[in-house]
PDB file of N, CA and C in Angstrom:
ATOM      1  N   MET A   1      61.178  85.090  79.223  1.00  0.00           N
ATOM      2  CA  MET A   1      60.612  84.698  80.482  1.00  0.00           C
ATOM      3  C   MET A   1      59.117  84.459  80.280  1.00  0.00           C
ATOM      4  N   CYS A   2      58.568  83.518  80.990  1.00  0.00           N
ATOM      5  CA  CYS A   2      57.151  83.236  80.901  1.00  0.00           C
ATOM      6  C   CYS A   2      56.590  83.179  82.319  1.00  0.00           C
ATOM      7  N   LEU A   3      55.773  84.162  82.666  1.00  0.00           N
ATOM      8  CA  LEU A   3      55.223  84.255  84.004  1.00  0.00           C
ATOM      9  C   LEU A   3      53.814  83.691  84.070  1.00  0.00           C
ATOM     10  N   ALA A   4      53.392  83.358  85.262  1.00  0.00           N
ATOM     11  CA  ALA A   4      51.991  83.061  85.518  1.00  0.00           C
ATOM     12  C   ALA A   4      51.351  84.391  85.892  1.00  0.00           C
ATOM     13  N   VAL A   5      50.486  84.907  85.033  1.00  0.00           N
ATOM     14  CA  VAL A   5      49.948  86.256  85.169  1.00  0.00           C
ATOM     15  C   VAL A   5      48.495  86.191  85.631  1.00  0.00           C
ATOM     16  N   PRO A   6      48.110  87.026  86.624  1.00  0.00           N
ATOM     17  CA  PRO A   6      46.716  87.045  87.058  1.00  0.00           C
ATOM     18  C   PRO A   6      45.836  87.842  86.106  1.00  0.00           C
ATOM     19  N   GLY A   7      44.580  87.407  85.971  1.00  0.00           N
ATOM     20  CA  GLY A   7      43.633  88.125  85.135  1.00  0.00           C
ATOM     21  C   GLY A   7      42.211  87.847  85.578  1.00  0.00           C
ATOM     22  N   LYS A   8      41.282  88.679  85.085  1.00  0.00           N
ATOM     23  CA  LYS A   8      39.868  88.567  85.440  1.00  0.00           C
ATOM     24  C   LYS A   8      39.096  87.935  84.283  1.00  0.00           C
ATOM     25  N   ILE A   9      38.278  86.945  84.604  1.00  0.00           N
ATOM     26  CA  ILE A   9      37.453  86.278  83.594  1.00  0.00           C
ATOM     27  C   ILE A   9      36.293  87.200  83.234  1.00  0.00           C
ATOM     28  N   ILE A  10      36.229  87.582  81.948  1.00  0.00           N
ATOM     29  CA  ILE A  10      35.178  88.502  81.509  1.00  0.00           C
ATOM     30  C   ILE A  10      34.154  87.839  80.594  1.00  0.00           C
ATOM     31  N   GLU A  11      34.436  86.627  80.156  1.00  0.00           N
ATOM     32  CA  GLU A  11      33.504  85.892  79.304  1.00  0.00           C
ATOM     33  C   GLU A  11      33.853  84.412  79.385  1.00  0.00           C
ATOM     34  N   VAL A  12      32.827  83.555  79.446  1.00  0.00           N
ATOM     35  CA  VAL A  12      33.035  82.100  79.491  1.00  0.00           C
ATOM     36  C   VAL A  12      32.191  81.469  78.406  1.00  0.00           C
ATOM     37  N   GLU A  13      32.772  80.488  77.716  1.00  0.00           N
ATOM     38  CA  GLU A  13      32.039  79.757  76.686  1.00  0.00           C
ATOM     39  C   GLU A  13      32.611  78.353  76.563  1.00  0.00           C
ATOM     40  N   GLU A  14      31.879  77.490  75.892  1.00  0.00           N
ATOM     41  CA  GLU A  14      32.370  76.154  75.605  1.00  0.00           C
ATOM     42  C   GLU A  14      32.739  76.091  74.132  1.00  0.00           C
ATOM     43  N   ARG A  15      33.947  75.619  73.854  1.00  0.00           N
ATOM     44  CA  ARG A  15      34.424  75.461  72.480  1.00  0.00           C
ATOM     45  C   ARG A  15      34.892  74.035  72.287  1.00  0.00           C
ATOM     46  N   ASP A  16      34.242  73.337  71.389  1.00  0.00           N
ATOM     47  CA  ASP A  16      34.625  71.955  71.083  1.00  0.00           C
ATOM     48  C   ASP A  16      34.728  71.099  72.344  1.00  0.00           C
ATOM     49  N   GLY A  17      33.783  71.286  73.269  1.00  0.00           N
ATOM     50  CA  GLY A  17      33.753  70.493  74.487  1.00  0.00           C
ATOM     51  C   GLY A  17      34.696  70.945  75.586  1.00  0.00           C
ATOM     52  N   THR A  18      35.342  72.088  75.419  1.00  0.00           N
ATOM     53  CA  THR A  18      36.283  72.599  76.416  1.00  0.00           C
ATOM     54  C   THR A  18      35.827  73.972  76.890  1.00  0.00           C
ATOM     55  N   ARG A  19      35.787  74.173  78.218  1.00  0.00           N
ATOM     56  CA  ARG A  19      35.455  75.495  78.749  1.00  0.00           C
ATOM     57  C   ARG A  19      36.605  76.452  78.484  1.00  0.00           C
ATOM     58  N   MET A  20      36.262  77.567  77.867  1.00  0.00           N
ATOM     59  CA  MET A  20      37.242  78.597  77.530  1.00  0.00           C
ATOM     60  C   MET A  20      36.750  79.923  78.092  1.00  0.00           C
ATOM     61  N   ALA A  21      37.671  80.868  78.242  1.00  0.00           N
ATOM     62  CA  ALA A  21      37.309  82.184  78.750  1.00  0.00           C
ATOM     63  C   ALA A  21      38.118  83.259  78.057  1.00  0.00           C
ATOM     64  N   LYS A  22      37.541  84.439  78.037  1.00  0.00           N
ATOM     65  CA  LYS A  22      38.297  85.641  77.697  1.00  0.00           C
ATOM     66  C   LYS A  22      38.723  86.204  79.045  1.00  0.00           C
ATOM     67  N   VAL A  23      40.020  86.444  79.197  1.00  0.00           N
ATOM     68  CA  VAL A  23      40.565  86.920  80.464  1.00  0.00           C
ATOM     69  C   VAL A  23      41.258  88.248  80.226  1.00  0.00           C
ATOM     70  N   ASP A  24      40.935  89.218  81.093  1.00  0.00           N
ATOM     71  CA  ASP A  24      41.499  90.565  81.013  1.00  0.00           C
ATOM     72  C   ASP A  24      42.692  90.660  81.954  1.00  0.00           C
ATOM     73  N   PHE A  25      43.854  90.925  81.383  1.00  0.00           N
ATOM     74  CA  PHE A  25      45.091  91.084  82.143  1.00  0.00           C
ATOM     75  C   PHE A  25      45.424  92.571  82.242  1.00  0.00           C
ATOM     76  N   GLY A  26      44.558  93.328  82.868  1.00  0.00           N
ATOM     77  CA  GLY A  26      44.813  94.761  83.021  1.00  0.00           C
ATOM     78  C   GLY A  26      44.789  95.501  81.709  1.00  0.00           C
ATOM     79  N   GLY A  27      43.894  95.130  80.811  1.00  0.00           N
ATOM     80  CA  GLY A  27      43.764  95.804  79.526  1.00  0.00           C
ATOM     81  C   GLY A  27      44.103  94.943  78.333  1.00  0.00           C
ATOM     82  N   VAL A  28      44.805  93.878  78.538  1.00  0.00           N
ATOM     83  CA  VAL A  28      45.117  92.930  77.474  1.00  0.00           C
ATOM     84  C   VAL A  28      44.195  91.725  77.657  1.00  0.00           C
ATOM     85  N   VAL A  29      43.395  91.395  76.632  1.00  0.00           N
ATOM     86  CA  VAL A  29      42.441  90.289  76.729  1.00  0.00           C
ATOM     87  C   VAL A  29      42.939  89.122  75.884  1.00  0.00           C
ATOM     88  N   LYS A  30      42.970  87.948  76.507  1.00  0.00           N
ATOM     89  CA  LYS A  30      43.442  86.733  75.834  1.00  0.00           C
ATOM     90  C   LYS A  30      42.464  85.593  76.068  1.00  0.00           C
ATOM     91  N   ASP A  31      42.473  84.607  75.169  1.00  0.00           N
ATOM     92  CA  ASP A  31      41.706  83.381  75.340  1.00  0.00           C
ATOM     93  C   ASP A  31      42.471  82.453  76.275  1.00  0.00           C
ATOM     94  N   VAL A  32      41.732  81.844  77.214  1.00  0.00           N
ATOM     95  CA  VAL A  32      42.342  80.981  78.224  1.00  0.00           C
ATOM     96  C   VAL A  32      41.499  79.722  78.389  1.00  0.00           C
ATOM     97  N   CYS A  33      42.158  78.597  78.542  1.00  0.00           N
ATOM     98  CA  CYS A  33      41.485  77.328  78.784  1.00  0.00           C
ATOM     99  C   CYS A  33      41.189  77.176  80.280  1.00  0.00           C
ATOM    100  N   LEU A  34      39.938  76.793  80.611  1.00  0.00           N
ATOM    101  CA  LEU A  34      39.524  76.629  82.010  1.00  0.00           C
ATOM    102  C   LEU A  34      39.455  75.159  82.432  1.00  0.00           C
ATOM    103  N   ALA A  35      39.989  74.254  81.642  1.00  0.00           N
ATOM    104  CA  ALA A  35      39.850  72.816  81.894  1.00  0.00           C
ATOM    105  C   ALA A  35      40.353  72.389  83.271  1.00  0.00           C
ATOM    106  N   TYR A  36      41.377  73.036  83.798  1.00  0.00           N
ATOM    107  CA  TYR A  36      41.944  72.633  85.083  1.00  0.00           C
ATOM    108  C   TYR A  36      41.171  73.192  86.277  1.00  0.00           C
ATOM    109  N   LEU A  37      40.268  74.156  86.032  1.00  0.00           N
ATOM    110  CA  LEU A  37      39.508  74.784  87.114  1.00  0.00           C
ATOM    111  C   LEU A  37      38.016  74.764  86.786  1.00  0.00           C
ATOM    112  N   PRO A  38      37.362  73.631  86.931  1.00  0.00           N
ATOM    113  CA  PRO A  38      35.964  73.512  86.515  1.00  0.00           C
ATOM    114  C   PRO A  38      34.995  74.402  87.295  1.00  0.00           C
ATOM    115  N   ASP A  39      35.356  74.841  88.499  1.00  0.00           N
ATOM    116  CA  ASP A  39      34.447  75.646  89.319  1.00  0.00           C
ATOM    117  C   ASP A  39      34.664  77.152  89.185  1.00  0.00           C
ATOM    118  N   ILE A  40      35.600  77.577  88.379  1.00  0.00           N
ATOM    119  CA  ILE A  40      35.868  79.004  88.219  1.00  0.00           C
ATOM    120  C   ILE A  40      34.874  79.583  87.207  1.00  0.00           C
ATOM    121  N   GLY A  41      34.539  80.871  87.383  1.00  0.00           N
ATOM    122  CA  GLY A  41      33.541  81.440  86.489  1.00  0.00           C
ATOM    123  C   GLY A  41      33.695  82.926  86.252  1.00  0.00           C
ATOM    124  N   LEU A  42      32.705  83.485  85.610  1.00  0.00           N
ATOM    125  CA  LEU A  42      32.665  84.883  85.238  1.00  0.00           C
ATOM    126  C   LEU A  42      32.909  85.778  86.453  1.00  0.00           C
ATOM    127  N   GLY A  43      33.829  86.737  86.302  1.00  0.00           N
ATOM    128  CA  GLY A  43      34.149  87.674  87.368  1.00  0.00           C
ATOM    129  C   GLY A  43      35.235  87.213  88.311  1.00  0.00           C
ATOM    130  N   ASP A  44      35.595  85.935  88.260  1.00  0.00           N
ATOM    131  CA  ASP A  44      36.666  85.421  89.111  1.00  0.00           C
ATOM    132  C   ASP A  44      38.019  85.845  88.548  1.00  0.00           C
ATOM    133  N   TYR A  45      39.005  85.872  89.434  1.00  0.00           N
ATOM    134  CA  TYR A  45      40.392  86.106  89.024  1.00  0.00           C
ATOM    135  C   TYR A  45      41.122  84.778  89.030  1.00  0.00           C
ATOM    136  N   THR A  46      42.029  84.642  88.097  1.00  0.00           N
ATOM    137  CA  THR A  46      42.787  83.405  87.976  1.00  0.00           C
ATOM    138  C   THR A  46      44.230  83.713  87.613  1.00  0.00           C
ATOM    139  N   ILE A  47      45.102  82.803  87.958  1.00  0.00           N
ATOM    140  CA  ILE A  47      46.485  82.878  87.491  1.00  0.00           C
ATOM    141  C   ILE A  47      46.551  82.026  86.231  1.00  0.00           C
ATOM    142  N   VAL A  48      47.134  82.590  85.193  1.00  0.00           N
ATOM    143  CA  VAL A  48      47.209  81.915  83.897  1.00  0.00           C
ATOM    144  C   VAL A  48      48.662  81.680  83.530  1.00  0.00           C
ATOM    145  N   HIS A  49      48.926  80.483  83.079  1.00  0.00           N
ATOM    146  CA  HIS A  49      50.269  80.139  82.594  1.00  0.00           C
ATOM    147  C   HIS A  49      50.121  79.421  81.263  1.00  0.00           C
ATOM    148  N   VAL A  50      50.814  79.893  80.267  1.00  0.00           N
ATOM    149  CA  VAL A  50      50.802  79.361  78.898  1.00  0.00           C
ATOM    150  C   VAL A  50      49.397  79.027  78.394  1.00  0.00           C
ATOM    151  N   GLY A  51      48.452  79.932  78.676  1.00  0.00           N
ATOM    152  CA  GLY A  51      47.107  79.780  78.139  1.00  0.00           C
ATOM    153  C   GLY A  51      46.144  78.954  78.958  1.00  0.00           C
ATOM    154  N   PHE A  52      46.577  78.468  80.127  1.00  0.00           N
ATOM    155  CA  PHE A  52      45.724  77.664  80.994  1.00  0.00           C
ATOM    156  C   PHE A  52      45.530  78.369  82.335  1.00  0.00           C
ATOM    157  N   ALA A  53      44.278  78.449  82.796  1.00  0.00           N
ATOM    158  CA  ALA A  53      43.997  78.923  84.146  1.00  0.00           C
ATOM    159  C   ALA A  53      44.452  77.830  85.102  1.00  0.00           C
ATOM    160  N   ILE A  54      45.348  78.176  86.032  1.00  0.00           N
ATOM    161  CA  ILE A  54      45.918  77.142  86.900  1.00  0.00           C
ATOM    162  C   ILE A  54      45.555  77.317  88.374  1.00  0.00           C
ATOM    163  N   GLN A  55      45.007  78.493  88.744  1.00  0.00           N
ATOM    164  CA  GLN A  55      44.636  78.706  90.145  1.00  0.00           C
ATOM    165  C   GLN A  55      43.679  79.881  90.245  1.00  0.00           C
ATOM    166  N   LYS A  56      42.680  79.746  91.123  1.00  0.00           N
ATOM    167  CA  LYS A  56      41.784  80.866  91.408  1.00  0.00           C
ATOM    168  C   LYS A  56      42.499  81.786  92.383  1.00  0.00           C
ATOM    169  N   LEU A  57      42.265  83.090  92.236  1.00  0.00           N
ATOM    170  CA  LEU A  57      42.968  84.089  93.034  1.00  0.00           C
ATOM    171  C   LEU A  57      41.974  85.130  93.499  1.00  0.00           C
ATOM    172  N   ASP A  58      42.147  85.653  94.723  1.00  0.00           N
ATOM    173  CA  ASP A  58      41.254  86.706  95.187  1.00  0.00           C
ATOM    174  C   ASP A  58      41.598  88.024  94.484  1.00  0.00           C
ATOM    175  N   GLU A  59      40.609  88.904  94.374  1.00  0.00           N
ATOM    176  CA  GLU A  59      40.756  90.148  93.615  1.00  0.00           C
ATOM    177  C   GLU A  59      41.900  91.017  94.131  1.00  0.00           C
ATOM    178  N   ALA A  60      42.012  91.184  95.443  1.00  0.00           N
ATOM    179  CA  ALA A  60      43.060  92.051  96.008  1.00  0.00           C
ATOM    180  C   ALA A  60      44.454  91.566  95.616  1.00  0.00           C
ATOM    181  N   SER A  61      44.682  90.269  95.718  1.00  0.00           N
ATOM    182  CA  SER A  61      45.993  89.712  95.349  1.00  0.00           C
ATOM    183  C   SER A  61      46.262  89.874  93.860  1.00  0.00           C
ATOM    184  N   ALA A  62      45.224  89.660  93.047  1.00  0.00           N
ATOM    185  CA  ALA A  62      45.391  89.780  91.595  1.00  0.00           C
ATOM    186  C   ALA A  62      45.753  91.211  91.214  1.00  0.00           C
ATOM    187  N   LEU A  63      45.020  92.189  91.749  1.00  0.00           N
ATOM    188  CA  LEU A  63      45.281  93.589  91.401  1.00  0.00           C
ATOM    189  C   LEU A  63      46.637  94.053  91.916  1.00  0.00           C
ATOM    190  N   GLU A  64      47.011  93.599  93.094  1.00  0.00           N
ATOM    191  CA  GLU A  64      48.325  93.944  93.647  1.00  0.00           C
ATOM    192  C   GLU A  64      49.446  93.397  92.761  1.00  0.00           C
ATOM    193  N   THR A  65      49.294  92.158  92.316  1.00  0.00           N
ATOM    194  CA  THR A  65      50.302  91.543  91.451  1.00  0.00           C
ATOM    195  C   THR A  65      50.379  92.248  90.103  1.00  0.00           C
ATOM    196  N   LEU A  66      49.224  92.584  89.505  1.00  0.00           N
ATOM    197  CA  LEU A  66      49.232  93.304  88.223  1.00  0.00           C
ATOM    198  C   LEU A  66      49.907  94.660  88.364  1.00  0.00           C
ATOM    199  N   ASP A  67      49.635  95.384  89.453  1.00  0.00           N
ATOM    200  CA  ASP A  67      50.286  96.678  89.685  1.00  0.00           C
ATOM    201  C   ASP A  67      51.794  96.517  89.810  1.00  0.00           C
ATOM    202  N   LEU A  68      52.226  95.498  90.535  1.00  0.00           N
ATOM    203  CA  LEU A  68      53.653  95.234  90.692  1.00  0.00           C
ATOM    204  C   LEU A  68      54.294  94.912  89.342  1.00  0.00           C
ATOM    205  N   PHE A  69      53.653  94.030  88.554  1.00  0.00           N
ATOM    206  CA  PHE A  69      54.172  93.679  87.237  1.00  0.00           C
ATOM    207  C   PHE A  69      54.288  94.911  86.349  1.00  0.00           C
ATOM    208  N   ARG A  70      53.254  95.785  86.393  1.00  0.00           N
ATOM    209  CA  ARG A  70      53.297  97.014  85.584  1.00  0.00           C
ATOM    210  C   ARG A  70      54.451  97.901  86.001  1.00  0.00           C
ATOM    211  N   SER A  71      54.622  98.093  87.304  1.00  0.00           N
ATOM    212  CA  SER A  71      55.675  98.991  87.799  1.00  0.00           C
ATOM    213  C   SER A  71      57.068  98.479  87.456  1.00  0.00           C
ATOM    214  N   LEU A  72      57.212  97.176  87.338  1.00  0.00           N
ATOM    215  CA  LEU A  72      58.505  96.580  86.988  1.00  0.00           C
ATOM    216  C   LEU A  72      58.700  96.436  85.478  1.00  0.00           C
ATOM    217  N   GLY A  73      57.668  96.779  84.696  1.00  0.00           N
ATOM    218  CA  GLY A  73      57.747  96.659  83.248  1.00  0.00           C
ATOM    219  C   GLY A  73      57.538  95.245  82.744  1.00  0.00           C
ATOM    220  N   ILE A  74      57.075  94.367  83.618  1.00  0.00           N
ATOM    221  CA  ILE A  74      56.923  92.962  83.252  1.00  0.00           C
ATOM    222  C   ILE A  74      55.746  92.752  82.303  1.00  0.00           C
ATOM    223  N   MET A  75      54.706  93.580  82.409  1.00  0.00           N
ATOM    224  CA  MET A  75      53.558  93.425  81.509  1.00  0.00           C
ATOM    225  C   MET A  75      53.994  93.647  80.061  1.00  0.00           C
ATOM    226  N   ASP A  76      54.813  94.672  79.826  1.00  0.00           N
ATOM    227  CA  ASP A  76      55.324  94.903  78.476  1.00  0.00           C
ATOM    228  C   ASP A  76      56.188  93.735  78.018  1.00  0.00           C
ATOM    229  N   GLU A  77      56.999  93.226  78.927  1.00  0.00           N
ATOM    230  CA  GLU A  77      57.875  92.105  78.595  1.00  0.00           C
ATOM    231  C   GLU A  77      57.063  90.859  78.260  1.00  0.00           C
ATOM    232  N   GLU A  78      56.015  90.611  79.044  1.00  0.00           N
ATOM    233  CA  GLU A  78      55.212  89.400  78.862  1.00  0.00           C
ATOM    234  C   GLU A  78      54.305  89.491  77.637  1.00  0.00           C
ATOM    235  N   PHE A  79      53.650  90.653  77.452  1.00  0.00           N
ATOM    236  CA  PHE A  79      52.676  90.799  76.380  1.00  0.00           C
ATOM    237  C   PHE A  79      53.189  91.616  75.205  1.00  0.00           C
ATOM    238  N   GLY A  80      54.369  92.193  75.337  1.00  0.00           N
ATOM    239  CA  GLY A  80      54.930  93.017  74.266  1.00  0.00           C
ATOM    240  C   GLY A  80      54.363  94.418  74.315  1.00  0.00           C
ATOM    241  N   ASP A  81      55.212  95.408  74.127  1.00  0.00           N
ATOM    242  CA  ASP A  81      54.727  96.774  74.228  1.00  0.00           C
ATOM    243  C   ASP A  81      53.938  97.209  73.007  1.00  0.00           C
ATOM    244  N   SER A  82      53.760  96.347  72.029  1.00  0.00           N
ATOM    245  CA  SER A  82      52.910  96.681  70.890  1.00  0.00           C
ATOM    246  C   SER A  82      51.476  96.920  71.345  1.00  0.00           C
ATOM    247  N   TRP A  83      51.058  96.272  72.442  1.00  0.00           N
ATOM    248  CA  TRP A  83      49.718  96.499  72.986  1.00  0.00           C
ATOM    249  C   TRP A  83      49.580  97.951  73.427  1.00  0.00           C
ATOM    250  N   GLY A  84      50.561  98.439  74.145  1.00  0.00           N
ATOM    251  CA  GLY A  84      50.518  99.820  74.619  1.00  0.00           C
ATOM    252  C   GLY A  84      50.563 100.805  73.473  1.00  0.00           C
ATOM    253  N   ARG A  85      51.395 100.555  72.489  1.00  0.00           N
ATOM    254  CA  ARG A  85      51.479 101.444  71.321  1.00  0.00           C
ATOM    255  C   ARG A  85      50.166 101.461  70.561  1.00  0.00           C
ATOM    256  N   ALA A  86      49.549 100.304  70.374  1.00  0.00           N
ATOM    257  CA  ALA A  86      48.292 100.236  69.639  1.00  0.00           C
ATOM    258  C   ALA A  86      47.191 100.995  70.380  1.00  0.00           C
ATOM    259  N   ALA A  87      47.151 100.866  71.698  1.00  0.00           N
ATOM    260  CA  ALA A  87      46.137 101.579  72.483  1.00  0.00           C
ATOM    261  C   ALA A  87      46.355 103.082  72.401  1.00  0.00           C
ATOM    262  N   ALA A  88      47.605 103.510  72.497  1.00  0.00           N
ATOM    263  CA  ALA A  88      47.912 104.940  72.425  1.00  0.00           C
ATOM    264  C   ALA A  88      47.565 105.495  71.048  1.00  0.00           C
ATOM    265  N   GLU A  89      47.865 104.743  70.002  1.00  0.00           N
ATOM    266  CA  GLU A  89      47.551 105.185  68.645  1.00  0.00           C
ATOM    267  C   GLU A  89      46.048 105.283  68.435  1.00  0.00           C
ATOM    268  N   ALA A  90      45.299 104.336  68.989  1.00  0.00           N
ATOM    269  CA  ALA A  90      43.837 104.356  68.853  1.00  0.00           C
ATOM    270  C   ALA A  90      43.240 105.570  69.548  1.00  0.00           C
ATOM    271  N   GLU A  91      43.788 105.937  70.699  1.00  0.00           N
ATOM    272  CA  GLU A  91      43.300 107.116  71.429  1.00  0.00           C
ATOM    273  C   GLU A  91      43.589 108.408  70.670  1.00  0.00           C
ATOM    274  N   GLN A  92      44.690 108.465  69.940  1.00  0.00           N
ATOM    275  CA  GLN A  92      45.093 109.669  69.237  1.00  0.00           C
ATOM    276  C   GLN A  92      44.559 109.765  67.823  1.00  0.00           C
ATOM    277  N   ALA A  93      44.004 108.675  67.320  1.00  0.00           N
ATOM    278  CA  ALA A  93      43.511 108.664  65.935  1.00  0.00           C
ATOM    279  C   ALA A  93      42.283 109.570  65.801  1.00  0.00           C
ATOM    280  N   PRO A  94      42.184 110.305  64.688  1.00  0.00           N
ATOM    281  CA  PRO A  94      40.993 111.141  64.482  1.00  0.00           C
ATOM    282  C   PRO A  94      39.778 110.259  64.250  1.00  0.00           C
ATOM    283  N   PRO A  95      38.596 110.758  64.627  1.00  0.00           N
ATOM    284  CA  PRO A  95      37.370 109.957  64.413  1.00  0.00           C
ATOM    285  C   PRO A  95      37.162 109.646  62.947  1.00  0.00           C
ATOM    286  N   ALA A  96      36.621 108.474  62.679  1.00  0.00           N
ATOM    287  CA  ALA A  96      36.396 108.035  61.290  1.00  0.00           C
ATOM    288  C   ALA A  96      35.160 108.668  60.705  1.00  0.00           C
TER     289      ALA A  96
END
């Protein structure tokens, strides 16, 4: 399954003439193309589908949707539970 997942833009840059962003999906950060939403920017929430920001979203709706996805286990399904395992392992690892 491939969902349109909401996330928060935490960094914006131009790469090879294309606006790109780092988007935080409740702890998972991915690169996203902003070409379809030229007016979206840092701190905004967006719905992302297959690596493209396709719609601006208000914060309350984005957080509500992320909570729902988490409670249904959809975040693990969409991003793979290896993210959760890696985070848990990093928290438990002894200091270097």
